[in-house]
């Protein structure tokens, strides 16, 4: 007969305010990028992930969120373009 070890239930964690803000901003920017370049959100996410736009957004979100979203979308496009993206 097998005995099963009881696993403790995962602890409920709350995200700190900065992490919540970062996630919200990244979601907003993915949607903004999709709208600007006439993609659906999934296509935009996959494109940004493939060509480094998400990494750029993740690394520089704090500075990008203080500027007009149009400039952030343009910067994300340029990062992707420089990494082989063609859209």
N, C-alpha and C. Protein backbone atom coordinates (compact mmCIF):
# COMPACT_ATOMS: atom_id res chain seq x y z
N UNK A 1 0.84 -1.17 0.00
CA UNK A 1 0.00 0.00 0.00
C UNK A 1 0.89 1.24 0.00
N UNK A 2 0.56 2.19 -0.90
CA UNK A 2 1.33 3.42 -0.99
C UNK A 2 0.89 4.40 0.09
N UNK A 3 1.86 5.10 0.59
CA UNK A 3 1.52 6.18 1.51
C UNK A 3 1.81 7.49 0.82
N UNK A 4 0.92 8.42 0.97
CA UNK A 4 1.09 9.73 0.34
C UNK A 4 1.43 10.74 1.41
N UNK A 5 2.43 11.51 1.10
CA UNK A 5 2.82 12.58 2.01
C UNK A 5 1.93 13.79 1.72
N UNK A 6 1.38 14.31 2.76
CA UNK A 6 0.54 15.50 2.59
C UNK A 6 1.43 16.69 2.27
N UNK A 7 1.05 17.42 1.23
CA UNK A 7 1.79 18.62 0.86
C UNK A 7 1.08 19.82 1.47
N UNK A 8 1.85 20.70 2.06
CA UNK A 8 1.21 21.89 2.63
C UNK A 8 0.59 22.73 1.52
N UNK A 9 -0.49 23.38 1.82
CA UNK A 9 -1.12 24.26 0.86
C UNK A 9 -0.21 25.46 0.61
N UNK A 10 -0.19 25.92 -0.63
CA UNK A 10 0.66 27.08 -0.91
C UNK A 10 0.19 28.30 -0.12
N UNK A 11 1.17 29.08 0.29
CA UNK A 11 0.87 30.30 1.01
C UNK A 11 0.27 31.33 0.06
N UNK A 12 -0.71 32.05 0.52
CA UNK A 12 -1.27 33.13 -0.28
C UNK A 12 -0.31 34.31 -0.19
N UNK A 13 0.12 34.78 -1.34
CA UNK A 13 1.03 35.91 -1.38
C UNK A 13 0.33 37.08 -2.02
N UNK A 14 0.66 38.24 -1.56
CA UNK A 14 0.13 39.46 -2.15
C UNK A 14 1.28 40.16 -2.85
N UNK A 15 0.97 40.70 -4.02
CA UNK A 15 1.98 41.44 -4.76
C UNK A 15 2.14 42.82 -4.17
N UNK A 16 3.37 43.29 -4.12
CA UNK A 16 3.59 44.64 -3.63
C UNK A 16 3.09 45.64 -4.67
N UNK A 17 2.92 46.86 -4.27
CA UNK A 17 2.34 47.90 -5.11
C UNK A 17 3.14 48.11 -6.40
N UNK A 18 4.46 48.11 -6.31
CA UNK A 18 5.28 48.32 -7.50
C UNK A 18 5.08 47.20 -8.52
N UNK A 19 5.01 45.97 -8.05
CA UNK A 19 4.79 44.84 -8.96
C UNK A 19 3.41 44.94 -9.61
N UNK A 20 2.41 45.32 -8.84
CA UNK A 20 1.07 45.50 -9.39
C UNK A 20 1.08 46.59 -10.47
N UNK A 21 1.76 47.69 -10.19
CA UNK A 21 1.85 48.78 -11.16
C UNK A 21 2.58 48.34 -12.44
N UNK A 22 3.65 47.58 -12.26
CA UNK A 22 4.43 47.10 -13.40
C UNK A 22 3.60 46.18 -14.28
N UNK A 23 2.89 45.25 -13.67
CA UNK A 23 2.05 44.32 -14.43
C UNK A 23 0.95 45.08 -15.17
N UNK A 24 0.32 46.01 -14.48
CA UNK A 24 -0.73 46.80 -15.11
C UNK A 24 -0.21 47.61 -16.28
N UNK A 25 0.95 48.21 -16.11
CA UNK A 25 1.54 49.01 -17.19
C UNK A 25 1.92 48.13 -18.38
N UNK A 26 2.50 46.97 -18.11
CA UNK A 26 2.90 46.08 -19.19
C UNK A 26 1.68 45.59 -19.97
N UNK A 27 0.62 45.25 -19.27
CA UNK A 27 -0.62 44.82 -19.94
C UNK A 27 -1.18 45.96 -20.79
N UNK A 28 -1.18 47.17 -20.24
CA UNK A 28 -1.65 48.34 -20.98
C UNK A 28 -0.82 48.55 -22.24
N UNK A 29 0.49 48.42 -22.14
CA UNK A 29 1.37 48.68 -23.28
C UNK A 29 1.25 47.60 -24.35
N UNK A 30 1.06 46.36 -23.95
CA UNK A 30 0.85 45.29 -24.94
C UNK A 30 -0.42 45.59 -25.73
N UNK A 31 -1.47 46.00 -25.03
CA UNK A 31 -2.72 46.35 -25.70
C UNK A 31 -2.53 47.57 -26.61
N UNK A 32 -1.81 48.57 -26.14
CA UNK A 32 -1.56 49.77 -26.93
C UNK A 32 -0.75 49.43 -28.19
N UNK A 33 0.24 48.56 -28.05
CA UNK A 33 1.05 48.12 -29.19
C UNK A 33 0.16 47.38 -30.19
N UNK A 34 -0.69 46.50 -29.68
CA UNK A 34 -1.60 45.74 -30.55
C UNK A 34 -2.51 46.67 -31.33
N UNK A 35 -3.08 47.64 -30.66
CA UNK A 35 -3.98 48.58 -31.32
C UNK A 35 -3.24 49.41 -32.37
N UNK A 36 -2.08 49.89 -32.02
CA UNK A 36 -1.29 50.73 -32.93
C UNK A 36 -0.92 49.99 -34.20
N UNK A 37 -0.53 48.73 -34.07
CA UNK A 37 -0.06 47.96 -35.22
C UNK A 37 -1.10 46.97 -35.74
N UNK A 38 -2.36 47.20 -35.37
CA UNK A 38 -3.49 46.41 -35.86
C UNK A 38 -3.28 44.90 -35.71
N UNK A 39 -2.96 44.51 -34.47
CA UNK A 39 -2.79 43.10 -34.11
C UNK A 39 -3.79 42.81 -33.00
N UNK A 40 -4.05 41.53 -32.77
CA UNK A 40 -4.79 41.23 -31.55
C UNK A 40 -3.77 41.15 -30.41
N UNK A 41 -4.24 41.10 -29.19
CA UNK A 41 -3.32 41.13 -28.04
C UNK A 41 -2.37 39.96 -28.02
N UNK A 42 -2.86 38.77 -28.39
CA UNK A 42 -1.99 37.60 -28.38
C UNK A 42 -0.87 37.74 -29.42
N UNK A 43 -1.21 38.21 -30.61
CA UNK A 43 -0.18 38.42 -31.64
C UNK A 43 0.85 39.44 -31.16
N UNK A 44 0.38 40.51 -30.56
CA UNK A 44 1.30 41.54 -30.07
C UNK A 44 2.21 40.97 -28.98
N UNK A 45 1.63 40.23 -28.05
CA UNK A 45 2.43 39.62 -26.97
C UNK A 45 3.51 38.72 -27.56
N UNK A 46 3.12 37.83 -28.47
CA UNK A 46 4.08 36.89 -29.05
C UNK A 46 5.17 37.60 -29.85
N UNK A 47 4.78 38.63 -30.59
CA UNK A 47 5.75 39.42 -31.36
C UNK A 47 6.73 40.11 -30.42
N UNK A 48 6.20 40.77 -29.40
CA UNK A 48 7.07 41.48 -28.44
C UNK A 48 7.98 40.51 -27.70
N UNK A 49 7.47 39.35 -27.37
CA UNK A 49 8.29 38.35 -26.68
C UNK A 49 9.40 37.84 -27.60
N UNK A 50 9.06 37.53 -28.83
CA UNK A 50 10.03 36.97 -29.78
C UNK A 50 11.17 37.94 -30.10
N UNK A 51 10.83 39.23 -30.22
CA UNK A 51 11.83 40.19 -30.69
C UNK A 51 12.36 41.14 -29.61
N UNK A 52 12.16 40.80 -28.35
CA UNK A 52 12.80 41.54 -27.27
C UNK A 52 12.03 42.74 -26.73
N UNK A 53 10.87 43.01 -27.27
CA UNK A 53 10.09 44.15 -26.80
C UNK A 53 9.63 44.00 -25.36
N UNK A 54 9.27 42.77 -24.96
CA UNK A 54 8.84 42.55 -23.57
C UNK A 54 10.01 42.69 -22.61
N UNK A 55 11.16 42.20 -23.00
CA UNK A 55 12.35 42.36 -22.14
C UNK A 55 12.67 43.84 -21.94
N UNK A 56 12.59 44.60 -23.03
CA UNK A 56 12.82 46.04 -22.97
C UNK A 56 11.80 46.70 -22.05
N UNK A 57 10.54 46.34 -22.23
CA UNK A 57 9.47 46.90 -21.41
C UNK A 57 9.66 46.54 -19.94
N UNK A 58 10.01 45.30 -19.68
CA UNK A 58 10.24 44.85 -18.31
C UNK A 58 11.40 45.59 -17.66
N UNK A 59 12.46 45.79 -18.42
CA UNK A 59 13.65 46.44 -17.87
C UNK A 59 13.48 47.95 -17.67
N UNK A 60 12.74 48.58 -18.56
CA UNK A 60 12.67 50.05 -18.54
C UNK A 60 11.28 50.60 -18.23
N UNK A 61 10.41 49.77 -17.68
CA UNK A 61 9.02 50.19 -17.48
C UNK A 61 8.90 51.45 -16.64
N UNK A 62 9.76 51.58 -15.64
CA UNK A 62 9.63 52.72 -14.73
C UNK A 62 9.83 54.05 -15.47
N UNK A 63 10.81 54.09 -16.36
CA UNK A 63 11.03 55.31 -17.15
C UNK A 63 9.96 55.46 -18.23
N UNK A 64 9.59 54.37 -18.87
CA UNK A 64 8.61 54.44 -19.96
C UNK A 64 7.24 54.89 -19.48
N UNK A 65 6.87 54.53 -18.27
CA UNK A 65 5.52 54.87 -17.81
C UNK A 65 5.35 56.37 -17.54
N UNK A 66 6.45 57.09 -17.47
CA UNK A 66 6.35 58.53 -17.21
C UNK A 66 6.19 59.34 -18.48
N UNK A 67 6.34 58.68 -19.63
CA UNK A 67 6.28 59.38 -20.92
C UNK A 67 4.95 59.08 -21.61
N UNK A 68 4.71 59.74 -22.70
CA UNK A 68 3.53 59.49 -23.51
C UNK A 68 3.61 58.06 -24.04
N UNK A 69 2.51 57.33 -23.98
CA UNK A 69 2.52 55.93 -24.40
C UNK A 69 2.90 55.78 -25.87
N UNK A 70 2.65 56.80 -26.68
CA UNK A 70 3.02 56.75 -28.10
C UNK A 70 4.54 56.57 -28.25
N UNK A 71 5.31 57.24 -27.40
CA UNK A 71 6.77 57.12 -27.47
C UNK A 71 7.23 55.75 -26.99
N UNK A 72 6.58 55.22 -26.00
CA UNK A 72 6.93 53.88 -25.50
C UNK A 72 6.64 52.83 -26.57
N UNK A 73 5.50 52.96 -27.25
CA UNK A 73 5.17 52.02 -28.33
C UNK A 73 6.22 52.12 -29.44
N UNK A 74 6.60 53.33 -29.78
CA UNK A 74 7.63 53.52 -30.81
C UNK A 74 8.95 52.88 -30.39
N UNK A 75 9.34 53.08 -29.13
CA UNK A 75 10.58 52.49 -28.63
C UNK A 75 10.52 50.96 -28.66
N UNK A 76 9.38 50.40 -28.28
CA UNK A 76 9.22 48.95 -28.32
C UNK A 76 9.32 48.45 -29.76
N UNK A 77 8.71 49.18 -30.68
CA UNK A 77 8.80 48.81 -32.10
C UNK A 77 10.25 48.81 -32.56
N UNK A 78 11.00 49.86 -32.21
CA UNK A 78 12.39 49.96 -32.64
C UNK A 78 13.25 48.83 -32.07
N UNK A 79 13.01 48.48 -30.81
CA UNK A 79 13.74 47.35 -30.21
C UNK A 79 13.45 46.08 -31.01
N UNK A 80 12.18 45.83 -31.29
CA UNK A 80 11.79 44.64 -32.04
C UNK A 80 12.39 44.66 -33.44
N UNK A 81 12.29 45.80 -34.11
CA UNK A 81 12.83 45.95 -35.46
C UNK A 81 14.34 45.64 -35.47
N UNK A 82 15.05 46.18 -34.49
CA UNK A 82 16.50 45.96 -34.40
C UNK A 82 16.86 44.52 -34.08
N UNK A 83 15.88 43.78 -33.56
CA UNK A 83 16.10 42.36 -33.25
C UNK A 83 15.49 41.43 -34.30
N UNK A 84 15.16 41.98 -35.47
CA UNK A 84 14.69 41.13 -36.57
C UNK A 84 13.19 41.18 -36.83
N UNK A 85 12.45 41.93 -36.05
CA UNK A 85 11.02 42.06 -36.28
C UNK A 85 10.73 42.88 -37.51
N UNK A 86 9.72 42.52 -38.25
CA UNK A 86 9.45 43.19 -39.51
C UNK A 86 8.13 43.93 -39.56
N UNK A 87 7.31 43.83 -38.54
CA UNK A 87 6.00 44.49 -38.59
C UNK A 87 6.15 45.96 -38.31
